[in-house]
Amino acid sequence: MKKLIKRIYNAFFKKSEEPINANDLLISKGIIKTGENCEISNLKVYSHLFNGQSPNVIIGNDCQILGQIELQSKEATVIIGNRVYIGPNTKIFCRNKIEIEDDVLISWGCTLIDTNFHSLNFDDRKDDVIDGIKGWSHLKWKGVVDKPTIIRSKSWIGFNTIINKGVIVEEGTVVACGSVLSGSTEKYTVVGGNPAKFIKNVE
């Protein structure tokens, strides 16, 4: 009886001397490629559909990434440049390509997507829930539209912003908190609102 209790204790309560780090595992498998001096210990990457041939997540140098990335296809690629900050609870949903260039600040609670997730046509999406319960590989993605989403260098995205598929946030754009971007911006401008509109130029 004592041996059984000890086995149960060890199985559930005894800490491993070297806990497994999920990101180290993904880096070793070539799914994440990261540059020098990056803080990604709080980054979470989710998918069952990794490429296997080239990295799905590429991170440059001197970055701090605290958010979450969900890869929705084997081809999904998230490219993050140098000196990029992505705040906690920011979520990136990628099926095609999302690129964030150098010197970009993305605050907390933001959402970036490059797909509409479901078809506008009900007949195409009527089985999405049932297929999802069966597993990721059963999703048909019929009628789903993907368009690359890009955030150019030197931009600043305020907290709780949503950036939709196909949007290009041009260089130096400042996006006011709580905005929804469904269209691209002009260089060195401040935009805000739902839908986001031009507010003023930035010197």
N, C-alpha and C. Protein backbone atom coordinates (compact mmCIF):
# COMPACT_ATOMS: atom_id res chain seq x y z
N MET A 1 0.82 -1.20 0.00
CA MET A 1 0.00 0.00 0.00
C MET A 1 0.87 1.26 0.00
N LYS A 2 1.95 1.27 0.79
CA LYS A 2 2.85 2.42 0.85
C LYS A 2 3.51 2.68 -0.51
N LYS A 3 3.88 1.57 -1.19
CA LYS A 3 4.51 1.71 -2.51
C LYS A 3 3.54 2.33 -3.51
N LEU A 4 2.28 1.93 -3.45
CA LEU A 4 1.26 2.47 -4.35
C LEU A 4 1.06 3.95 -4.11
N ILE A 5 0.98 4.36 -2.85
CA ILE A 5 0.81 5.78 -2.52
C ILE A 5 2.00 6.59 -3.02
N LYS A 6 3.21 6.03 -2.86
CA LYS A 6 4.42 6.73 -3.32
C LYS A 6 4.41 6.89 -4.83
N ARG A 7 3.99 5.87 -5.56
CA ARG A 7 3.92 5.96 -7.03
C ARG A 7 2.93 7.02 -7.48
N ILE A 8 1.77 7.07 -6.81
CA ILE A 8 0.77 8.08 -7.15
C ILE A 8 1.30 9.48 -6.88
N TYR A 9 1.96 9.65 -5.74
CA TYR A 9 2.55 10.94 -5.38
C TYR A 9 3.56 11.39 -6.44
N ASN A 10 4.48 10.50 -6.79
CA ASN A 10 5.51 10.84 -7.78
C ASN A 10 4.91 11.19 -9.13
N ALA A 11 3.85 10.48 -9.50
CA ALA A 11 3.23 10.70 -10.81
C ALA A 11 2.55 12.06 -10.91
N PHE A 12 1.95 12.50 -9.80
CA PHE A 12 1.13 13.71 -9.87
C PHE A 12 1.76 14.95 -9.24
N PHE A 13 2.66 14.77 -8.28
CA PHE A 13 3.13 15.92 -7.52
C PHE A 13 4.63 16.19 -7.63
N LYS A 14 5.43 15.19 -7.91
CA LYS A 14 6.87 15.39 -7.96
C LYS A 14 7.25 16.11 -9.25
N LYS A 15 7.96 17.21 -9.12
CA LYS A 15 8.34 17.99 -10.28
C LYS A 15 9.54 17.37 -10.98
N SER A 16 9.51 17.46 -12.32
CA SER A 16 10.65 17.00 -13.10
C SER A 16 11.82 17.96 -12.89
N GLU A 17 13.03 17.44 -12.90
CA GLU A 17 14.20 18.30 -12.71
C GLU A 17 14.39 19.23 -13.89
N GLU A 18 14.01 18.79 -15.09
CA GLU A 18 14.15 19.62 -16.28
C GLU A 18 12.82 19.63 -17.03
N PRO A 19 11.91 20.57 -16.67
CA PRO A 19 10.62 20.63 -17.34
C PRO A 19 10.76 20.92 -18.83
N ILE A 20 9.87 20.39 -19.62
CA ILE A 20 9.90 20.57 -21.07
C ILE A 20 9.37 21.95 -21.43
N ASN A 21 10.11 22.71 -22.22
CA ASN A 21 9.67 24.01 -22.71
C ASN A 21 9.09 23.83 -24.11
N ALA A 22 7.82 24.19 -24.27
CA ALA A 22 7.13 23.95 -25.54
C ALA A 22 7.81 24.66 -26.70
N ASN A 23 8.24 25.92 -26.48
CA ASN A 23 8.88 26.66 -27.56
C ASN A 23 10.23 26.06 -27.95
N ASP A 24 10.99 25.58 -26.96
CA ASP A 24 12.26 24.91 -27.28
C ASP A 24 12.01 23.69 -28.15
N LEU A 25 10.92 22.98 -27.86
CA LEU A 25 10.57 21.81 -28.66
C LEU A 25 10.22 22.20 -30.09
N LEU A 26 9.44 23.27 -30.24
CA LEU A 26 9.04 23.74 -31.58
C LEU A 26 10.24 24.28 -32.35
N ILE A 27 11.18 24.91 -31.65
CA ILE A 27 12.41 25.39 -32.30
C ILE A 27 13.24 24.20 -32.77
N SER A 28 13.35 23.17 -31.93
CA SER A 28 14.13 21.99 -32.29
C SER A 28 13.53 21.25 -33.48
N LYS A 29 12.22 21.34 -33.65
CA LYS A 29 11.54 20.69 -34.77
C LYS A 29 11.51 21.58 -36.02
N GLY A 30 12.05 22.81 -35.91
CA GLY A 30 12.10 23.70 -37.07
C GLY A 30 10.81 24.43 -37.35
N ILE A 31 9.87 24.40 -36.42
CA ILE A 31 8.58 25.08 -36.62
C ILE A 31 8.71 26.56 -36.30
N ILE A 32 9.49 26.88 -35.27
CA ILE A 32 9.81 28.27 -34.94
C ILE A 32 11.29 28.51 -35.24
N LYS A 33 11.57 29.63 -35.89
CA LYS A 33 12.95 30.07 -36.09
C LYS A 33 13.07 31.45 -35.47
N THR A 34 13.99 31.60 -34.54
CA THR A 34 14.11 32.88 -33.84
C THR A 34 15.52 33.43 -33.94
N GLY A 35 15.60 34.77 -33.92
CA GLY A 35 16.90 35.43 -33.97
C GLY A 35 17.51 35.54 -32.59
N GLU A 36 18.42 36.49 -32.43
CA GLU A 36 19.15 36.65 -31.17
C GLU A 36 18.42 37.59 -30.23
N ASN A 37 18.65 37.37 -28.93
CA ASN A 37 18.17 38.26 -27.87
C ASN A 37 16.65 38.44 -27.90
N CYS A 38 15.93 37.34 -28.02
CA CYS A 38 14.46 37.40 -28.05
C CYS A 38 13.87 36.82 -26.77
N GLU A 39 12.79 37.42 -26.31
CA GLU A 39 12.05 36.92 -25.15
C GLU A 39 10.74 36.34 -25.66
N ILE A 40 10.67 35.01 -25.73
CA ILE A 40 9.46 34.36 -26.23
C ILE A 40 8.94 33.30 -25.26
N SER A 41 9.36 33.38 -24.00
CA SER A 41 8.97 32.34 -23.05
C SER A 41 7.46 32.31 -22.81
N ASN A 42 6.78 33.44 -23.04
CA ASN A 42 5.32 33.49 -22.86
C ASN A 42 4.56 33.35 -24.17
N LEU A 43 5.26 33.23 -25.29
CA LEU A 43 4.61 32.99 -26.57
C LEU A 43 4.01 31.60 -26.61
N LYS A 44 2.79 31.49 -27.13
CA LYS A 44 2.15 30.19 -27.30
C LYS A 44 1.81 30.02 -28.77
N VAL A 45 2.25 28.89 -29.35
CA VAL A 45 1.98 28.58 -30.75
C VAL A 45 1.13 27.32 -30.80
N TYR A 46 0.00 27.39 -31.50
CA TYR A 46 -0.93 26.27 -31.58
C TYR A 46 -1.11 25.84 -33.03
N SER A 47 -1.09 24.54 -33.26
CA SER A 47 -1.48 23.95 -34.53
C SER A 47 -1.22 22.45 -34.51
N HIS A 48 -1.95 21.75 -35.36
CA HIS A 48 -1.67 20.33 -35.61
C HIS A 48 -1.22 20.15 -37.05
N LEU A 49 -0.93 21.28 -37.74
CA LEU A 49 -0.69 21.23 -39.18
C LEU A 49 0.60 21.92 -39.54
N PHE A 50 1.70 21.57 -38.89
CA PHE A 50 2.97 22.22 -39.17
C PHE A 50 3.49 21.83 -40.54
N ASN A 51 4.27 22.74 -41.13
CA ASN A 51 4.80 22.56 -42.47
C ASN A 51 5.73 21.34 -42.56
N GLY A 52 6.71 21.29 -41.69
CA GLY A 52 7.66 20.18 -41.69
C GLY A 52 8.84 20.39 -42.63
N GLN A 53 8.71 21.35 -43.57
CA GLN A 53 9.77 21.62 -44.53
C GLN A 53 10.49 22.94 -44.24
N SER A 54 9.74 23.92 -43.78
CA SER A 54 10.31 25.23 -43.46
C SER A 54 9.58 25.80 -42.26
N PRO A 55 10.17 26.78 -41.56
CA PRO A 55 9.52 27.31 -40.35
C PRO A 55 8.17 27.94 -40.64
N ASN A 56 7.20 27.71 -39.77
CA ASN A 56 5.90 28.39 -39.86
C ASN A 56 5.93 29.75 -39.16
N VAL A 57 6.82 29.90 -38.17
CA VAL A 57 6.94 31.15 -37.42
C VAL A 57 8.40 31.58 -37.46
N ILE A 58 8.64 32.77 -38.02
CA ILE A 58 10.00 33.30 -38.15
C ILE A 58 10.07 34.61 -37.38
N ILE A 59 10.96 34.68 -36.41
CA ILE A 59 11.08 35.84 -35.53
C ILE A 59 12.49 36.41 -35.66
N GLY A 60 12.59 37.73 -35.81
CA GLY A 60 13.89 38.38 -35.96
C GLY A 60 14.61 38.56 -34.64
N ASN A 61 15.49 39.54 -34.59
CA ASN A 61 16.31 39.80 -33.40
C ASN A 61 15.65 40.80 -32.45
N ASP A 62 15.99 40.69 -31.18
CA ASP A 62 15.61 41.69 -30.16
C ASP A 62 14.10 41.89 -30.05
N CYS A 63 13.36 40.79 -30.07
CA CYS A 63 11.90 40.86 -29.99
C CYS A 63 11.41 40.40 -28.62
N GLN A 64 10.25 40.91 -28.23
CA GLN A 64 9.55 40.42 -27.04
C GLN A 64 8.13 40.06 -27.48
N ILE A 65 7.83 38.77 -27.51
CA ILE A 65 6.55 38.28 -28.01
C ILE A 65 5.82 37.60 -26.86
N LEU A 66 4.71 38.19 -26.43
CA LEU A 66 3.98 37.69 -25.27
C LEU A 66 2.61 37.12 -25.64
N GLY A 67 2.28 37.15 -26.91
CA GLY A 67 0.94 36.76 -27.34
C GLY A 67 0.84 35.31 -27.77
N GLN A 68 -0.12 35.07 -28.65
CA GLN A 68 -0.47 33.71 -29.08
C GLN A 68 -0.57 33.67 -30.60
N ILE A 69 -0.06 32.60 -31.20
CA ILE A 69 -0.15 32.39 -32.64
C ILE A 69 -0.86 31.07 -32.90
N GLU A 70 -1.88 31.12 -33.73
CA GLU A 70 -2.57 29.89 -34.13
C GLU A 70 -2.41 29.70 -35.63
N LEU A 71 -1.79 28.59 -36.02
CA LEU A 71 -1.56 28.27 -37.42
C LEU A 71 -2.70 27.38 -37.92
N GLN A 72 -3.35 27.80 -38.99
CA GLN A 72 -4.56 27.12 -39.44
C GLN A 72 -4.39 26.34 -40.73
N SER A 73 -3.17 26.22 -41.20
CA SER A 73 -2.87 25.38 -42.35
C SER A 73 -1.39 25.04 -42.32
N LYS A 74 -0.97 24.04 -43.08
CA LYS A 74 0.44 23.67 -43.15
C LYS A 74 1.27 24.79 -43.76
N GLU A 75 0.64 25.59 -44.62
CA GLU A 75 1.35 26.66 -45.33
C GLU A 75 1.36 27.97 -44.54
N ALA A 76 0.63 28.04 -43.44
CA ALA A 76 0.55 29.29 -42.67
C ALA A 76 1.93 29.75 -42.24
N THR A 77 2.22 31.04 -42.50
CA THR A 77 3.53 31.59 -42.17
C THR A 77 3.37 32.94 -41.48
N VAL A 78 3.94 33.05 -40.30
CA VAL A 78 3.97 34.31 -39.57
C VAL A 78 5.41 34.79 -39.53
N ILE A 79 5.64 35.97 -40.09
CA ILE A 79 6.99 36.54 -40.15
C ILE A 79 7.02 37.79 -39.28
N ILE A 80 7.91 37.81 -38.31
CA ILE A 80 8.05 38.93 -37.39
C ILE A 80 9.47 39.47 -37.53
N GLY A 81 9.58 40.79 -37.74
CA GLY A 81 10.88 41.40 -37.98
C GLY A 81 11.69 41.61 -36.71
N ASN A 82 12.58 42.59 -36.76
CA ASN A 82 13.46 42.90 -35.63
C ASN A 82 12.84 43.96 -34.72
N ARG A 83 13.15 43.86 -33.44
CA ARG A 83 12.72 44.85 -32.44
C ARG A 83 11.20 45.03 -32.43
N VAL A 84 10.51 43.92 -32.42
CA VAL A 84 9.04 43.93 -32.40
C VAL A 84 8.55 43.54 -31.01
N TYR A 85 7.55 44.26 -30.53
CA TYR A 85 6.89 43.92 -29.27
C TYR A 85 5.44 43.54 -29.56
N ILE A 86 5.02 42.38 -29.04
CA ILE A 86 3.62 41.96 -29.14
C ILE A 86 3.14 41.66 -27.72
N GLY A 87 2.13 42.38 -27.27
CA GLY A 87 1.69 42.32 -25.89
C GLY A 87 0.89 41.07 -25.54
N PRO A 88 0.67 40.87 -24.24
CA PRO A 88 -0.08 39.71 -23.77
C PRO A 88 -1.52 39.73 -24.26
N ASN A 89 -2.07 38.53 -24.45
CA ASN A 89 -3.45 38.33 -24.91
C ASN A 89 -3.70 38.83 -26.33
N THR A 90 -2.65 39.19 -27.04
CA THR A 90 -2.80 39.46 -28.47
C THR A 90 -2.75 38.14 -29.21
N LYS A 91 -3.69 37.95 -30.15
CA LYS A 91 -3.82 36.68 -30.85
C LYS A 91 -3.66 36.88 -32.35
N ILE A 92 -2.84 36.03 -32.94
CA ILE A 92 -2.61 36.04 -34.38
C ILE A 92 -3.14 34.74 -34.95
N PHE A 93 -4.15 34.83 -35.82
CA PHE A 93 -4.74 33.66 -36.46
C PHE A 93 -4.31 33.67 -37.93
N CYS A 94 -3.48 32.72 -38.32
CA CYS A 94 -2.90 32.73 -39.66
C CYS A 94 -3.21 31.46 -40.43
N ARG A 95 -3.78 31.62 -41.61
CA ARG A 95 -4.00 30.50 -42.52
C ARG A 95 -3.12 30.64 -43.76
N ASN A 96 -2.74 31.86 -44.09
CA ASN A 96 -1.96 32.14 -45.28
C ASN A 96 -0.63 32.79 -44.88
N LYS A 97 -0.66 34.11 -44.69
CA LYS A 97 0.57 34.82 -44.32
C LYS A 97 0.23 36.09 -43.54
N ILE A 98 0.91 36.26 -42.43
CA ILE A 98 0.85 37.51 -41.67
C ILE A 98 2.29 37.96 -41.45
N GLU A 99 2.57 39.20 -41.84
CA GLU A 99 3.93 39.73 -41.72
C GLU A 99 3.92 41.00 -40.89
N ILE A 100 4.83 41.06 -39.93
CA ILE A 100 5.01 42.23 -39.08
C ILE A 100 6.46 42.68 -39.25
N GLU A 101 6.65 43.86 -39.80
CA GLU A 101 8.00 44.31 -40.13
C GLU A 101 8.72 44.87 -38.89
N ASP A 102 9.89 45.47 -39.10
CA ASP A 102 10.75 45.92 -38.01
C ASP A 102 10.12 47.06 -37.19
N ASP A 103 10.50 47.12 -35.92
CA ASP A 103 10.20 48.26 -35.05
C ASP A 103 8.70 48.53 -34.91
N VAL A 104 7.94 47.46 -34.78
CA VAL A 104 6.49 47.57 -34.60
C VAL A 104 6.13 47.28 -33.15
N LEU A 105 5.22 48.08 -32.60
CA LEU A 105 4.67 47.86 -31.27
C LEU A 105 3.20 47.45 -31.41
N ILE A 106 2.86 46.28 -30.88
CA ILE A 106 1.46 45.83 -30.87
C ILE A 106 1.08 45.62 -29.41
N SER A 107 0.10 46.35 -28.95
CA SER A 107 -0.25 46.33 -27.54
C SER A 107 -1.02 45.07 -27.17
N TRP A 108 -1.60 45.05 -25.97
CA TRP A 108 -2.28 43.86 -25.46
C TRP A 108 -3.69 43.73 -26.04
N GLY A 109 -4.17 42.50 -26.08
CA GLY A 109 -5.56 42.25 -26.44
C GLY A 109 -5.92 42.50 -27.89
N CYS A 110 -4.95 42.53 -28.78
CA CYS A 110 -5.23 42.76 -30.20
C CYS A 110 -5.50 41.43 -30.92
N THR A 111 -6.13 41.52 -32.08
CA THR A 111 -6.39 40.34 -32.91
C THR A 111 -5.98 40.64 -34.34
N LEU A 112 -5.16 39.75 -34.91
CA LEU A 112 -4.75 39.86 -36.31
C LEU A 112 -5.18 38.60 -37.03
N ILE A 113 -5.86 38.75 -38.16
CA ILE A 113 -6.31 37.59 -38.93
C ILE A 113 -6.02 37.80 -40.41
N ASP A 114 -5.91 36.69 -41.16
CA ASP A 114 -5.72 36.77 -42.61
C ASP A 114 -6.77 35.94 -43.36
N THR A 115 -7.86 35.60 -42.67
CA THR A 115 -8.89 34.77 -43.27
C THR A 115 -10.24 35.15 -42.68
N ASN A 116 -11.32 34.82 -43.39
CA ASN A 116 -12.65 35.07 -42.82
C ASN A 116 -13.18 33.87 -42.04
N PHE A 117 -12.35 32.84 -41.87
CA PHE A 117 -12.65 31.66 -41.04
C PHE A 117 -13.76 30.77 -41.61
N HIS A 118 -14.89 31.36 -41.97
CA HIS A 118 -16.03 30.59 -42.46
C HIS A 118 -16.56 31.25 -43.73
N SER A 119 -17.18 30.46 -44.57
CA SER A 119 -17.79 30.98 -45.79
C SER A 119 -18.99 31.86 -45.48
N LEU A 120 -19.25 32.84 -46.32
CA LEU A 120 -20.45 33.65 -46.20
C LEU A 120 -21.70 32.83 -46.56
N ASN A 121 -21.49 31.78 -47.33
CA ASN A 121 -22.59 30.92 -47.78
C ASN A 121 -22.88 29.86 -46.71
N PHE A 122 -24.12 29.83 -46.20
CA PHE A 122 -24.46 28.89 -45.14
C PHE A 122 -24.24 27.43 -45.56
N ASP A 123 -24.57 27.09 -46.80
CA ASP A 123 -24.40 25.70 -47.24
C ASP A 123 -22.95 25.25 -47.15
N ASP A 124 -22.01 26.19 -47.31
CA ASP A 124 -20.59 25.86 -47.21
C ASP A 124 -20.12 25.68 -45.76
N ARG A 125 -20.78 26.37 -44.83
CA ARG A 125 -20.31 26.36 -43.44
C ARG A 125 -21.20 25.56 -42.49
N LYS A 126 -22.28 24.95 -43.00
CA LYS A 126 -23.26 24.31 -42.12
C LYS A 126 -22.68 23.15 -41.31
N ASP A 127 -21.61 22.50 -41.81
CA ASP A 127 -21.02 21.36 -41.10
C ASP A 127 -19.75 21.73 -40.34
N ASP A 128 -19.43 23.03 -40.24
CA ASP A 128 -18.16 23.45 -39.62
C ASP A 128 -18.03 22.99 -38.17
N VAL A 129 -19.11 23.09 -37.41
CA VAL A 129 -19.04 22.70 -35.99
C VAL A 129 -18.83 21.20 -35.85
N ILE A 130 -19.61 20.42 -36.60
CA ILE A 130 -19.49 18.96 -36.54
C ILE A 130 -18.10 18.51 -36.99
N ASP A 131 -17.61 19.10 -38.07
CA ASP A 131 -16.27 18.75 -38.57
C ASP A 131 -15.19 19.14 -37.56
N GLY A 132 -15.38 20.29 -36.90
CA GLY A 132 -14.41 20.74 -35.91
C GLY A 132 -14.32 19.81 -34.71
N ILE A 133 -15.47 19.25 -34.31
CA ILE A 133 -15.49 18.31 -33.20
C ILE A 133 -14.71 17.04 -33.56
N LYS A 134 -14.80 16.62 -34.82
CA LYS A 134 -14.07 15.43 -35.28
C LYS A 134 -12.57 15.65 -35.24
N GLY A 135 -12.14 16.88 -35.43
CA GLY A 135 -10.70 17.18 -35.44
C GLY A 135 -10.35 18.16 -36.53
N TRP A 136 -9.21 18.83 -36.32
CA TRP A 136 -8.78 19.90 -37.22
C TRP A 136 -8.71 19.45 -38.67
N SER A 137 -8.23 18.24 -38.91
CA SER A 137 -8.04 17.75 -40.29
C SER A 137 -9.35 17.54 -41.02
N HIS A 138 -10.48 17.51 -40.30
CA HIS A 138 -11.77 17.29 -40.94
C HIS A 138 -12.41 18.58 -41.46
N LEU A 139 -11.87 19.75 -41.07
CA LEU A 139 -12.42 21.01 -41.54
C LEU A 139 -12.20 21.15 -43.04
N LYS A 140 -13.25 21.55 -43.75
CA LYS A 140 -13.19 21.61 -45.22
C LYS A 140 -12.75 22.98 -45.73
N TRP A 141 -13.00 24.03 -44.99
CA TRP A 141 -12.62 25.39 -45.37
C TRP A 141 -13.22 25.80 -46.71
N LYS A 142 -14.35 25.22 -47.07
CA LYS A 142 -14.98 25.53 -48.35
C LYS A 142 -15.49 26.97 -48.35
N GLY A 143 -15.14 27.70 -49.40
CA GLY A 143 -15.59 29.08 -49.54
C GLY A 143 -14.87 30.08 -48.66
N VAL A 144 -13.84 29.64 -47.94
CA VAL A 144 -13.10 30.53 -47.05
C VAL A 144 -12.09 31.34 -47.87
N VAL A 145 -12.03 32.65 -47.62
CA VAL A 145 -11.13 33.54 -48.35
C VAL A 145 -9.95 33.92 -47.46
N ASP A 146 -8.73 33.80 -48.00
CA ASP A 146 -7.51 34.19 -47.30
C ASP A 146 -6.84 35.33 -48.05
N LYS A 147 -6.33 36.31 -47.33
CA LYS A 147 -5.54 37.39 -47.92
C LYS A 147 -4.45 37.78 -46.94
N PRO A 148 -3.20 37.89 -47.39
CA PRO A 148 -2.11 38.25 -46.48
C PRO A 148 -2.37 39.57 -45.75
N THR A 149 -2.00 39.61 -44.49
CA THR A 149 -2.12 40.81 -43.66
C THR A 149 -0.71 41.27 -43.31
N ILE A 150 -0.45 42.57 -43.50
CA ILE A 150 0.92 43.09 -43.33
C ILE A 150 0.89 44.35 -42.45
N ILE A 151 1.79 44.39 -41.49
CA ILE A 151 2.01 45.61 -40.70
C ILE A 151 3.41 46.10 -41.00
N ARG A 152 3.50 47.25 -41.65
CA ARG A 152 4.79 47.80 -42.05
C ARG A 152 5.55 48.36 -40.85
N SER A 153 6.83 48.63 -41.08
CA SER A 153 7.74 49.04 -40.01
C SER A 153 7.30 50.35 -39.34
N LYS A 154 7.71 50.49 -38.09
CA LYS A 154 7.54 51.72 -37.30
C LYS A 154 6.09 52.01 -36.92
N SER A 155 5.22 51.04 -37.07
CA SER A 155 3.82 51.25 -36.71
C SER A 155 3.58 50.93 -35.24
N TRP A 156 2.50 51.48 -34.72
CA TRP A 156 2.11 51.27 -33.32
C TRP A 156 0.63 50.96 -33.28
N ILE A 157 0.29 49.78 -32.78
CA ILE A 157 -1.09 49.32 -32.75
C ILE A 157 -1.59 49.38 -31.30
N GLY A 158 -2.62 50.19 -31.05
CA GLY A 158 -3.15 50.34 -29.70
C GLY A 158 -3.91 49.11 -29.23
N PHE A 159 -4.11 49.00 -27.92
CA PHE A 159 -4.70 47.80 -27.33
C PHE A 159 -6.14 47.56 -27.83
N ASN A 160 -6.49 46.28 -27.87
CA ASN A 160 -7.83 45.82 -28.27
C ASN A 160 -8.20 46.18 -29.71
N THR A 161 -7.19 46.34 -30.55
CA THR A 161 -7.43 46.60 -31.97
C THR A 161 -7.63 45.28 -32.72
N ILE A 162 -8.49 45.31 -33.73
CA ILE A 162 -8.71 44.16 -34.62
C ILE A 162 -8.25 44.54 -36.02
N ILE A 163 -7.37 43.71 -36.59
CA ILE A 163 -6.89 43.94 -37.96
C ILE A 163 -7.33 42.75 -38.81
N ASN A 164 -8.19 43.02 -39.77
CA ASN A 164 -8.80 41.97 -40.59
C ASN A 164 -7.93 41.55 -41.77
N LYS A 165 -8.37 40.50 -42.44
CA LYS A 165 -7.62 39.91 -43.56
C LYS A 165 -7.40 40.94 -44.67
N GLY A 166 -6.23 40.83 -45.29
CA GLY A 166 -5.91 41.67 -46.44
C GLY A 166 -5.54 43.09 -46.14
N VAL A 167 -5.52 43.48 -44.87
CA VAL A 167 -5.19 44.85 -44.49
C VAL A 167 -3.68 45.06 -44.53
N ILE A 168 -3.26 46.19 -45.09
CA ILE A 168 -1.86 46.60 -45.03
C ILE A 168 -1.79 47.86 -44.18
N VAL A 169 -1.17 47.74 -43.02
CA VAL A 169 -0.93 48.90 -42.15
C VAL A 169 0.38 49.50 -42.62
N GLU A 170 0.32 50.64 -43.26
CA GLU A 170 1.51 51.21 -43.88
C GLU A 170 2.48 51.77 -42.84
N GLU A 171 3.70 52.03 -43.29
CA GLU A 171 4.80 52.45 -42.42
C GLU A 171 4.42 53.63 -41.54
N GLY A 172 4.76 53.51 -40.25
CA GLY A 172 4.58 54.63 -39.34
C GLY A 172 3.15 54.90 -38.91
N THR A 173 2.23 53.98 -39.19
CA THR A 173 0.83 54.19 -38.81
C THR A 173 0.66 54.03 -37.30
N VAL A 174 -0.14 54.90 -36.70
CA VAL A 174 -0.54 54.76 -35.31
C VAL A 174 -2.04 54.45 -35.30
N VAL A 175 -2.40 53.32 -34.68
CA VAL A 175 -3.80 52.88 -34.64
C VAL A 175 -4.33 53.09 -33.22
N ALA A 176 -5.39 53.88 -33.08
CA ALA A 176 -5.97 54.16 -31.77
C ALA A 176 -6.54 52.88 -31.16
N CYS A 177 -6.52 52.80 -29.84
CA CYS A 177 -6.98 51.61 -29.15
C CYS A 177 -8.46 51.34 -29.46
N GLY A 178 -8.79 50.05 -29.52
CA GLY A 178 -10.16 49.65 -29.76
C GLY A 178 -10.64 49.80 -31.19
N SER A 179 -9.72 50.00 -32.13
CA SER A 179 -10.11 50.21 -33.53
C SER A 179 -10.32 48.89 -34.26
N VAL A 180 -11.07 48.95 -35.35
CA VAL A 180 -11.26 47.80 -36.23
C VAL A 180 -10.84 48.21 -37.63
N LEU A 181 -9.78 47.57 -38.14
CA LEU A 181 -9.27 47.89 -39.47
C LEU A 181 -9.74 46.85 -40.47
N SER A 182 -10.55 47.31 -41.43
CA SER A 182 -10.98 46.46 -42.53
C SER A 182 -10.41 46.94 -43.85
N GLY A 183 -9.71 48.07 -43.83
CA GLY A 183 -9.06 48.62 -45.01
C GLY A 183 -7.67 49.08 -44.66
N SER A 184 -6.83 49.23 -45.67
CA SER A 184 -5.43 49.61 -45.46
C SER A 184 -5.30 51.08 -45.09
N THR A 185 -4.14 51.44 -44.56
CA THR A 185 -3.89 52.81 -44.09
C THR A 185 -2.90 53.51 -45.03
N GLU A 186 -2.70 54.80 -44.78
CA GLU A 186 -1.66 55.57 -45.47
C GLU A 186 -0.45 55.71 -44.54
N LYS A 187 0.72 55.95 -45.11
CA LYS A 187 1.94 56.09 -44.31
C LYS A 187 1.83 57.26 -43.34
N TYR A 188 2.38 57.06 -42.14
CA TYR A 188 2.51 58.10 -41.13
C TYR A 188 1.21 58.85 -40.88
N THR A 189 0.19 58.08 -40.53
CA THR A 189 -1.10 58.66 -40.16
C THR A 189 -1.56 58.06 -38.85
N VAL A 190 -2.50 58.73 -38.21
CA VAL A 190 -3.21 58.19 -37.05
C VAL A 190 -4.61 57.82 -37.53
N VAL A 191 -5.02 56.58 -37.23
CA VAL A 191 -6.35 56.13 -37.61
C VAL A 191 -7.04 55.57 -36.36
N GLY A 192 -8.38 55.56 -36.39
CA GLY A 192 -9.09 55.03 -35.25
C GLY A 192 -10.57 54.90 -35.52
N GLY A 193 -11.23 54.09 -34.70
CA GLY A 193 -12.68 53.92 -34.80
C GLY A 193 -13.06 52.57 -35.36
N ASN A 194 -14.36 52.36 -35.53
CA ASN A 194 -14.92 51.13 -36.10
C ASN A 194 -16.01 51.50 -37.11
N PRO A 195 -15.68 51.41 -38.41
CA PRO A 195 -14.38 51.05 -38.97
C PRO A 195 -13.37 52.19 -38.81
N ALA A 196 -12.08 51.84 -38.77
CA ALA A 196 -11.04 52.82 -38.55
C ALA A 196 -10.98 53.82 -39.71
N LYS A 197 -10.85 55.09 -39.35
CA LYS A 197 -10.77 56.16 -40.34
C LYS A 197 -9.59 57.07 -40.04
N PHE A 198 -9.18 57.82 -41.04
CA PHE A 198 -8.08 58.78 -40.91
C PHE A 198 -8.42 59.82 -39.84
N ILE A 199 -7.47 60.07 -38.94
CA ILE A 199 -7.64 61.13 -37.93
C ILE A 199 -6.73 62.30 -38.22
N LYS A 200 -5.42 62.00 -38.40
CA LYS A 200 -4.48 63.07 -38.70
C LYS A 200 -3.18 62.47 -39.20
N ASN A 201 -2.31 63.32 -39.72
CA ASN A 201 -0.98 62.91 -40.16
C ASN A 201 -0.01 62.93 -38.98
N VAL A 202 1.03 62.12 -39.10
CA VAL A 202 2.11 62.09 -38.13
C VAL A 202 3.36 62.63 -38.80
N GLU A 203 4.07 63.54 -38.14
CA GLU A 203 5.29 64.08 -38.75
C GLU A 203 6.35 62.99 -38.86
